[in-house]
Amino acid sequence: MRALSLSLLMFSLACGDDGRRGGDAPVDFGPPEPLDGSVADAAVSPDLGPRDAGSPAAEVDLTFGGTCAPRFDGDVVVVRNAESIAISATDGGALEGSVQLDLDGAGSTETLSSQHRVDTAQVVNVITDTTWTNLAMDSGSVLGGSAPDPIAGTLTIADYRPADGVLDVTFAGVVLQNPSDGSLCEVDGRLRTFRLSF
């Protein structure tokens, strides 16, 4: 479990912050393990939010189309990196899929486009062994008006509190593009998280 926690922490650090925001307090991983080999007091545990540790940290009711096929039937964890939340699933230590969101808050419906990404700096990523995002591969031509924008769809943000690991977002006709090969990822459905996993 410790190896999984460390690998997911490294993954979240690698996928997240683009340096736009700062000033977040450092992450508290709790008290260190005793050096004498004794077992730490199990009665001291972090606040896991509104649900207890035995309940899922997330409910991923998303369908994917196009060239992306992430899976969330393994161990699903919710981690925070700066102002983003990543929901990731692993199986035997291998990444099955991840959705990373860096949004502005609750109570809005956002219409996605490359221009929207540039204007708002809001990020939507779907990750397997590669990444699809809400910015066109040929963003210069798209933003200049000489090429159609493949990015589309809406996000309805009912709740978004990254510090608490809480979100409730509905994807409708979302289309993201891989910045390396131009392939498209289609996303529909609802994604909810209830607490941070660590």
Protein backbone atom coordinates (compact mmCIF):
# COMPACT_ATOMS: atom_id res chain seq x y z
CA MET A 1 0.00 0.00 0.00
CA ARG A 2 2.88 2.36 0.81
CA ALA A 3 4.44 1.76 -2.64
CA LEU A 4 1.07 2.45 -4.29
CA SER A 5 0.65 5.64 -2.27
CA LEU A 6 4.09 6.89 -3.23
CA SER A 7 3.66 6.04 -6.91
CA LEU A 8 0.28 7.80 -7.05
CA LEU A 9 1.74 10.84 -5.33
CA MET A 10 4.52 10.98 -7.92
CA PHE A 11 1.93 10.53 -10.70
CA SER A 12 -0.22 13.38 -9.41
CA LEU A 13 2.78 15.67 -9.17
CA ALA A 14 3.80 14.82 -12.73
CA CYS A 15 0.36 15.50 -14.23
CA GLY A 16 -0.77 18.53 -12.45
CA ASP A 17 0.23 22.03 -11.76
CA ASP A 18 1.19 24.28 -14.63
CA GLY A 19 2.57 26.93 -12.29
CA ARG A 20 -0.37 29.32 -12.58
CA ARG A 21 -1.15 29.30 -8.88
CA GLY A 22 0.94 29.20 -5.78
CA GLY A 23 0.83 29.56 -2.05
CA ASP A 24 -0.67 26.19 -1.20
CA ALA A 25 0.33 24.79 2.14
CA PRO A 26 2.56 21.71 2.03
CA VAL A 27 0.87 18.33 2.17
CA ASP A 28 0.82 16.75 5.63
CA PHE A 29 1.43 13.01 5.42
CA GLY A 30 0.92 12.51 9.13
CA PRO A 31 3.39 11.48 11.81
CA PRO A 32 6.50 9.55 10.77
CA GLU A 33 6.77 5.86 11.55
CA PRO A 34 8.61 5.07 14.79
CA LEU A 35 12.32 4.29 14.38
CA ASP A 36 12.27 1.52 17.00
CA GLY A 37 10.11 -0.77 14.83
CA SER A 38 6.99 -0.42 16.99
CA VAL A 39 3.60 0.15 15.43
CA ALA A 40 2.30 3.71 15.33
CA ASP A 41 -0.94 4.51 17.17
CA ALA A 42 -3.71 3.49 14.77
CA ALA A 43 -6.26 5.59 16.66
CA VAL A 44 -4.82 8.76 15.11
CA SER A 45 -6.15 9.08 11.56
CA PRO A 46 -6.62 11.92 9.08
CA ASP A 47 -10.03 13.47 8.47
CA LEU A 48 -11.44 11.53 5.52
CA GLY A 49 -14.31 13.91 4.87
CA PRO A 50 -18.01 13.17 4.86
CA ARG A 51 -17.63 9.45 4.13
CA ASP A 52 -15.69 6.93 6.14
CA ALA A 53 -12.55 5.16 4.96
CA GLY A 54 -14.51 2.03 4.08
CA SER A 55 -16.62 3.77 1.45
CA PRO A 56 -15.37 4.62 -2.06
CA ALA A 57 -13.52 7.89 -2.51
CA ALA A 58 -15.10 8.29 -5.96
CA GLU A 59 -17.94 7.17 -8.19
CA VAL A 60 -16.89 7.14 -11.84
CA ASP A 61 -20.01 6.83 -14.03
CA LEU A 62 -18.31 7.91 -17.25
CA THR A 63 -18.40 6.41 -20.72
CA PHE A 64 -15.51 6.89 -23.13
CA GLY A 65 -15.37 6.78 -26.92
CA GLY A 66 -13.01 7.65 -29.72
CA THR A 67 -9.49 6.36 -29.14
CA CYS A 68 -9.42 6.53 -25.32
CA ALA A 69 -10.46 3.62 -23.15
CA PRO A 70 -9.48 4.26 -19.54
CA ARG A 71 -10.83 1.83 -16.96
CA PHE A 72 -11.82 2.53 -13.39
CA ASP A 73 -12.51 -1.00 -12.14
CA GLY A 74 -9.25 -1.28 -10.17
CA ASP A 75 -8.20 0.56 -7.03
CA VAL A 76 -9.57 4.10 -7.45
CA VAL A 77 -7.90 6.93 -5.55
CA VAL A 78 -8.49 10.67 -5.34
CA VAL A 79 -5.48 12.94 -4.95
CA ARG A 80 -4.96 16.68 -4.99
CA ASN A 81 -2.19 18.63 -6.68
CA ALA A 82 -2.34 22.39 -6.11
CA GLU A 83 -5.85 23.31 -7.35
CA SER A 84 -6.47 20.15 -9.40
CA ILE A 85 -8.03 16.82 -8.49
CA ALA A 86 -6.91 13.57 -10.10
CA ILE A 87 -9.08 10.44 -9.98
CA SER A 88 -6.89 7.47 -10.89
CA ALA A 89 -7.32 3.72 -11.08
CA THR A 90 -4.52 1.19 -10.87
CA ASP A 91 -4.36 -2.57 -11.18
CA GLY A 92 -1.26 -4.26 -9.82
CA GLY A 93 0.52 -0.92 -9.76
CA ALA A 94 -0.19 -0.19 -13.46
CA LEU A 95 -2.29 2.84 -14.36
CA GLU A 96 -5.66 1.85 -15.87
CA GLY A 97 -6.97 5.37 -16.26
CA SER A 98 -7.11 8.83 -14.79
CA VAL A 99 -9.19 11.97 -15.09
CA GLN A 100 -7.61 15.22 -13.93
CA LEU A 101 -9.61 18.41 -13.50
CA ASP A 102 -8.44 21.94 -12.70
CA LEU A 103 -11.61 24.02 -12.67
CA ASP A 104 -12.75 27.32 -11.18
CA GLY A 105 -15.60 26.32 -8.89
CA ALA A 106 -19.14 25.12 -8.53
CA GLY A 107 -22.38 26.40 -9.95
CA SER A 108 -21.52 26.79 -13.60
CA THR A 109 -21.80 25.07 -16.94
CA GLU A 110 -18.66 25.44 -19.02
CA THR A 111 -18.69 25.06 -22.81
CA LEU A 112 -15.33 23.59 -23.74
CA SER A 113 -13.17 24.80 -26.62
CA SER A 114 -9.50 25.58 -27.18
CA GLN A 115 -10.34 29.27 -26.73
CA HIS A 116 -12.09 28.48 -23.43
CA ARG A 117 -8.93 26.70 -22.23
CA VAL A 118 -6.77 29.71 -23.14
CA ASP A 119 -9.21 32.22 -21.63
CA THR A 120 -9.88 30.40 -18.36
CA ALA A 121 -6.83 28.12 -17.87
CA GLN A 122 -9.27 25.36 -16.84
CA VAL A 123 -7.84 21.92 -17.58
CA VAL A 124 -9.57 18.64 -18.39
CA ASN A 125 -7.26 15.65 -18.92
CA VAL A 126 -7.98 11.97 -19.57
CA ILE A 127 -4.89 9.82 -19.11
CA THR A 128 -3.98 6.21 -19.88
CA ASP A 129 -0.55 5.59 -21.38
CA THR A 130 -1.02 8.95 -23.12
CA THR A 131 -3.06 12.12 -22.51
CA TRP A 132 -6.09 13.78 -24.10
CA THR A 133 -6.77 17.38 -23.11
CA ASN A 134 -9.05 20.34 -23.82
CA LEU A 135 -6.62 22.10 -26.17
CA ALA A 136 -6.31 21.37 -29.89
CA MET A 137 -3.07 19.85 -31.14
CA ASP A 138 -2.88 22.60 -33.78
CA SER A 139 -3.95 25.29 -31.35
CA GLY A 140 -2.31 28.12 -33.30
CA SER A 141 -4.42 27.46 -36.39
CA VAL A 142 -7.55 26.82 -34.31
CA LEU A 143 -7.17 30.01 -32.28
CA GLY A 144 -6.31 31.95 -35.43
CA GLY A 145 -9.53 30.77 -37.08
CA SER A 146 -7.93 28.84 -39.95
CA ALA A 147 -8.76 25.34 -38.64
CA PRO A 148 -11.83 23.82 -36.95
CA ASP A 149 -11.64 23.20 -33.22
CA PRO A 150 -11.99 19.52 -32.26
CA ILE A 151 -12.56 20.42 -28.58
CA ALA A 152 -16.27 20.39 -27.70
CA GLY A 153 -18.92 19.60 -25.11
CA THR A 154 -19.98 20.92 -21.74
CA LEU A 155 -19.09 20.40 -18.11
CA THR A 156 -21.76 21.05 -15.50
CA ILE A 157 -19.97 21.69 -12.21
CA ALA A 158 -22.33 21.02 -9.30
CA ASP A 159 -19.52 20.92 -6.71
CA TYR A 160 -15.77 21.54 -6.83
CA ARG A 161 -13.71 21.74 -3.63
CA PRO A 162 -10.21 20.43 -4.37
CA ALA A 163 -8.91 21.06 -0.84
CA ASP A 164 -11.54 18.61 0.45
CA GLY A 165 -11.25 16.20 -2.48
CA VAL A 166 -14.89 16.83 -3.40
CA LEU A 167 -16.33 17.28 -6.87
CA ASP A 168 -19.50 16.57 -8.80
CA VAL A 169 -19.11 17.14 -12.53
CA THR A 170 -21.28 15.99 -15.45
CA PHE A 171 -19.67 15.60 -18.88
CA ALA A 172 -21.94 16.01 -21.93
CA GLY A 173 -20.51 15.42 -25.41
CA VAL A 174 -16.99 16.29 -24.26
CA VAL A 175 -14.30 15.83 -26.92
CA LEU A 176 -10.62 16.10 -26.00
CA GLN A 177 -7.55 15.77 -28.24
CA ASN A 178 -4.20 14.06 -27.84
CA PRO A 179 -1.49 16.69 -28.34
CA SER A 180 0.92 14.13 -29.80
CA ASP A 181 -1.08 12.24 -32.41
CA GLY A 182 -4.31 14.26 -32.76
CA SER A 183 -6.57 11.37 -31.73
CA LEU A 184 -9.86 12.21 -30.01
CA CYS A 185 -11.36 11.10 -26.70
CA GLU A 186 -15.10 11.38 -26.09
CA VAL A 187 -16.46 11.56 -22.54
CA ASP A 188 -20.03 11.49 -21.20
CA GLY A 189 -21.48 10.91 -17.76
CA ARG A 190 -21.04 11.91 -14.16
CA LEU A 191 -17.94 11.94 -11.96
CA ARG A 192 -18.19 12.38 -8.19
CA THR A 193 -15.54 12.33 -5.49
CA PHE A 194 -16.18 12.44 -1.75
CA ARG A 195 -12.77 12.69 -0.07
CA LEU A 196 -9.05 12.57 -0.68
CA SER A 197 -7.56 9.09 -0.53
CA PHE A 198 -4.43 10.23 1.33
